[in-house]
């Protein structure tokens, strides 16, 4: 059974940084694309960024230049470094595993971790 477990969420102030981590039980990890999504209260879940199975990385325009995705296939982890956080980044952040290309619908989801940015 595939499990994705996020960690690292919390309460920070505007301009602060936070690093989220996702531990995945995927075999082989390299055949999956990994993505981060978020859902703010009263809003639809939205794409944040993804790292494709071939290593290519994509970001939503709203986080480009502030967020960085990285993965370690040997450790089966994918991280999301978030810098210059803004109140509008407040959301529950979800890690997702995608079979094949990052553009496909995620197959597995983590339980989510709350990120709150105070103004």
C-alpha atoms as a PDB file:
ATOM      1  CA  UNK A   1       0.000   0.000   0.000  1.00  0.00           C
ATOM      2  CA  UNK A   2       1.396   3.372  -1.033  1.00  0.00           C
ATOM      3  CA  UNK A   3       1.645   5.946   1.706  1.00  0.00           C
ATOM      4  CA  UNK A   4       2.573   9.597   1.474  1.00  0.00           C
ATOM      5  CA  UNK A   5       3.234  11.435   4.725  1.00  0.00           C
ATOM      6  CA  UNK A   6       3.777  15.185   4.808  1.00  0.00           C
ATOM      7  CA  UNK A   7       5.524  17.052   7.583  1.00  0.00           C
ATOM      8  CA  UNK A   8       6.882  20.505   8.283  1.00  0.00           C
ATOM      9  CA  UNK A   9       3.795  22.664   8.300  1.00  0.00           C
ATOM     10  CA  UNK A  10       3.205  25.343  10.893  1.00  0.00           C
ATOM     11  CA  UNK A  11       2.479  28.950  11.692  1.00  0.00           C
ATOM     12  CA  UNK A  12       4.889  31.562  10.365  1.00  0.00           C
ATOM     13  CA  UNK A  13       4.915  35.278   9.639  1.00  0.00           C
ATOM     14  CA  UNK A  14       4.927  37.056   6.327  1.00  0.00           C
ATOM     15  CA  UNK A  15       8.337  36.845   4.712  1.00  0.00           C
ATOM     16  CA  UNK A  16       9.388  33.749   6.620  1.00  0.00           C
ATOM     17  CA  UNK A  17      10.465  30.419   5.170  1.00  0.00           C
ATOM     18  CA  UNK A  18       9.178  26.915   5.723  1.00  0.00           C
ATOM     19  CA  UNK A  19      10.208  23.543   4.387  1.00  0.00           C
ATOM     20  CA  UNK A  20       7.714  20.770   3.815  1.00  0.00           C
ATOM     21  CA  UNK A  21       8.746  17.187   3.369  1.00  0.00           C
ATOM     22  CA  UNK A  22       6.898  14.209   1.952  1.00  0.00           C
ATOM     23  CA  UNK A  23       7.980  10.673   2.744  1.00  0.00           C
ATOM     24  CA  UNK A  24       6.683   8.191   0.199  1.00  0.00           C
ATOM     25  CA  UNK A  25       6.541   4.423   0.074  1.00  0.00           C
ATOM     26  CA  UNK A  26       6.907   4.128  -3.695  1.00  0.00           C
ATOM     27  CA  UNK A  27       8.655   1.386  -5.618  1.00  0.00           C
ATOM     28  CA  UNK A  28      10.364   2.324  -7.799  1.00  0.00           C
ATOM     29  CA  UNK A  29      10.250   5.976  -6.795  1.00  0.00           C
ATOM     30  CA  UNK A  30      11.820   7.092 -10.059  1.00  0.00           C
ATOM     31  CA  UNK A  31       8.790   5.999 -12.096  1.00  0.00           C
ATOM     32  CA  UNK A  32       6.513   8.495 -10.369  1.00  0.00           C
ATOM     33  CA  UNK A  33       6.190  12.209 -10.788  1.00  0.00           C
ATOM     34  CA  UNK A  34       5.655  14.008  -7.497  1.00  0.00           C
ATOM     35  CA  UNK A  35       3.554  17.065  -6.965  1.00  0.00           C
ATOM     36  CA  UNK A  36       2.550  19.540  -4.315  1.00  0.00           C
ATOM     37  CA  UNK A  37      -0.948  20.961  -4.166  1.00  0.00           C
ATOM     38  CA  UNK A  38      -2.712  23.212  -1.709  1.00  0.00           C
ATOM     39  CA  UNK A  39      -6.225  24.030  -0.656  1.00  0.00           C
ATOM     40  CA  UNK A  40      -7.202  27.208   1.110  1.00  0.00           C
ATOM     41  CA  UNK A  41     -10.474  27.481   3.063  1.00  0.00           C
ATOM     42  CA  UNK A  42     -13.416  27.809   0.707  1.00  0.00           C
ATOM     43  CA  UNK A  43     -11.283  27.309  -2.388  1.00  0.00           C
ATOM     44  CA  UNK A  44     -10.544  24.517  -4.816  1.00  0.00           C
ATOM     45  CA  UNK A  45      -7.386  22.494  -4.482  1.00  0.00           C
ATOM     46  CA  UNK A  46      -4.720  24.018  -6.705  1.00  0.00           C
ATOM     47  CA  UNK A  47      -1.429  22.992  -8.213  1.00  0.00           C
ATOM     48  CA  UNK A  48       1.700  24.369  -6.552  1.00  0.00           C
ATOM     49  CA  UNK A  49       4.513  22.558  -8.279  1.00  0.00           C
ATOM     50  CA  UNK A  50       5.737  19.211  -9.494  1.00  0.00           C
ATOM     51  CA  UNK A  51       8.885  17.331 -10.306  1.00  0.00           C
ATOM     52  CA  UNK A  52       8.457  15.038 -13.239  1.00  0.00           C
ATOM     53  CA  UNK A  53       9.731  11.477 -13.310  1.00  0.00           C
ATOM     54  CA  UNK A  54      12.552  12.659 -15.608  1.00  0.00           C
ATOM     55  CA  UNK A  55      13.572  15.451 -13.225  1.00  0.00           C
ATOM     56  CA  UNK A  56      11.916  18.390 -14.959  1.00  0.00           C
ATOM     57  CA  UNK A  57      10.313  20.826 -12.524  1.00  0.00           C
ATOM     58  CA  UNK A  58       7.211  22.956 -12.912  1.00  0.00           C
ATOM     59  CA  UNK A  59       5.676  25.635 -10.714  1.00  0.00           C
ATOM     60  CA  UNK A  60       2.476  27.589 -10.531  1.00  0.00           C
ATOM     61  CA  UNK A  61       2.990  31.238 -11.426  1.00  0.00           C
ATOM     62  CA  UNK A  62       1.915  32.281  -7.938  1.00  0.00           C
ATOM     63  CA  UNK A  63       4.902  30.561  -6.315  1.00  0.00           C
ATOM     64  CA  UNK A  64       7.519  30.752  -9.042  1.00  0.00           C
ATOM     65  CA  UNK A  65      10.728  32.273  -7.723  1.00  0.00           C
ATOM     66  CA  UNK A  66       9.733  31.673  -4.085  1.00  0.00           C
ATOM     67  CA  UNK A  67       9.185  27.913  -3.851  1.00  0.00           C
ATOM     68  CA  UNK A  68      11.605  25.130  -4.760  1.00  0.00           C
ATOM     69  CA  UNK A  69      10.868  21.443  -5.177  1.00  0.00           C
ATOM     70  CA  UNK A  70      13.497  18.767  -4.751  1.00  0.00           C
ATOM     71  CA  UNK A  71      13.434  15.002  -4.484  1.00  0.00           C
ATOM     72  CA  UNK A  72      15.678  12.244  -3.287  1.00  0.00           C
ATOM     73  CA  UNK A  73      14.746   8.959  -4.953  1.00  0.00           C
ATOM     74  CA  UNK A  74      17.102   6.994  -2.749  1.00  0.00           C
ATOM     75  CA  UNK A  75      15.326   8.258   0.368  1.00  0.00           C
ATOM     76  CA  UNK A  76      11.888   8.374  -1.286  1.00  0.00           C
ATOM     77  CA  UNK A  77      11.326  11.954  -0.219  1.00  0.00           C
ATOM     78  CA  UNK A  78      10.215  15.109  -1.971  1.00  0.00           C
ATOM     79  CA  UNK A  79      10.588  18.501  -0.338  1.00  0.00           C
ATOM     80  CA  UNK A  80       9.008  21.879  -0.881  1.00  0.00           C
ATOM     81  CA  UNK A  81      11.118  24.825   0.233  1.00  0.00           C
ATOM     82  CA  UNK A  82       8.900  27.869   0.628  1.00  0.00           C
ATOM     83  CA  UNK A  83      10.484  31.299   0.924  1.00  0.00           C
ATOM     84  CA  UNK A  84       9.073  34.794   1.213  1.00  0.00           C
ATOM     85  CA  UNK A  85       5.779  33.414   2.412  1.00  0.00           C
ATOM     86  CA  UNK A  86       2.651  35.500   2.053  1.00  0.00           C
ATOM     87  CA  UNK A  87      -0.719  35.316   3.812  1.00  0.00           C
ATOM     88  CA  UNK A  88      -2.245  34.053   0.556  1.00  0.00           C
ATOM     89  CA  UNK A  89      -0.004  30.987   0.839  1.00  0.00           C
ATOM     90  CA  UNK A  90      -2.057  29.883   3.825  1.00  0.00           C
ATOM     91  CA  UNK A  91      -3.559  26.489   3.001  1.00  0.00           C
ATOM     92  CA  UNK A  92      -3.393  22.788   3.622  1.00  0.00           C
ATOM     93  CA  UNK A  93      -0.544  21.463   1.518  1.00  0.00           C
ATOM     94  CA  UNK A  94      -0.773  18.015  -0.024  1.00  0.00           C
ATOM     95  CA  UNK A  95       1.871  15.795  -1.493  1.00  0.00           C
ATOM     96  CA  UNK A  96       0.811  13.666  -4.451  1.00  0.00           C
ATOM     97  CA  UNK A  97       2.313  10.823  -6.444  1.00  0.00           C
ATOM     98  CA  UNK A  98       1.534  10.692 -10.147  1.00  0.00           C
ATOM     99  CA  UNK A  99       2.065   7.697 -12.390  1.00  0.00           C
ATOM    100  CA  UNK A 100       3.955   8.958 -15.420  1.00  0.00           C
ATOM    101  CA  UNK A 101       3.882  12.621 -16.375  1.00  0.00           C
ATOM    102  CA  UNK A 102       3.190  15.369 -13.857  1.00  0.00           C
ATOM    103  CA  UNK A 103       0.267  16.480 -16.028  1.00  0.00           C
ATOM    104  CA  UNK A 104      -1.686  13.345 -15.231  1.00  0.00           C
ATOM    105  CA  UNK A 105      -4.205  13.124 -12.416  1.00  0.00           C
ATOM    106  CA  UNK A 106      -2.505  12.206  -9.131  1.00  0.00           C
ATOM    107  CA  UNK A 107      -2.852   8.591  -8.100  1.00  0.00           C
ATOM    108  CA  UNK A 108      -1.959   8.887  -4.437  1.00  0.00           C
ATOM    109  CA  UNK A 109      -2.386  11.690  -1.918  1.00  0.00           C
ATOM    110  CA  UNK A 110      -0.955  12.455   1.463  1.00  0.00           C
ATOM    111  CA  UNK A 111      -3.090  13.542   4.384  1.00  0.00           C
ATOM    112  CA  UNK A 112      -1.997  17.168   4.149  1.00  0.00           C
ATOM    113  CA  UNK A 113      -0.150  19.563   6.413  1.00  0.00           C
ATOM    114  CA  UNK A 114      -1.374  22.997   7.465  1.00  0.00           C
ATOM    115  CA  UNK A 115       0.623  26.094   6.599  1.00  0.00           C
ATOM    116  CA  UNK A 116      -0.539  29.368   8.087  1.00  0.00           C
ATOM    117  CA  UNK A 117       1.113  32.667   7.256  1.00  0.00           C
ATOM    118  CA  UNK A 118       0.173  35.577   9.495  1.00  0.00           C
ATOM    119  CA  UNK A 119       0.341  39.166   8.305  1.00  0.00           C
END
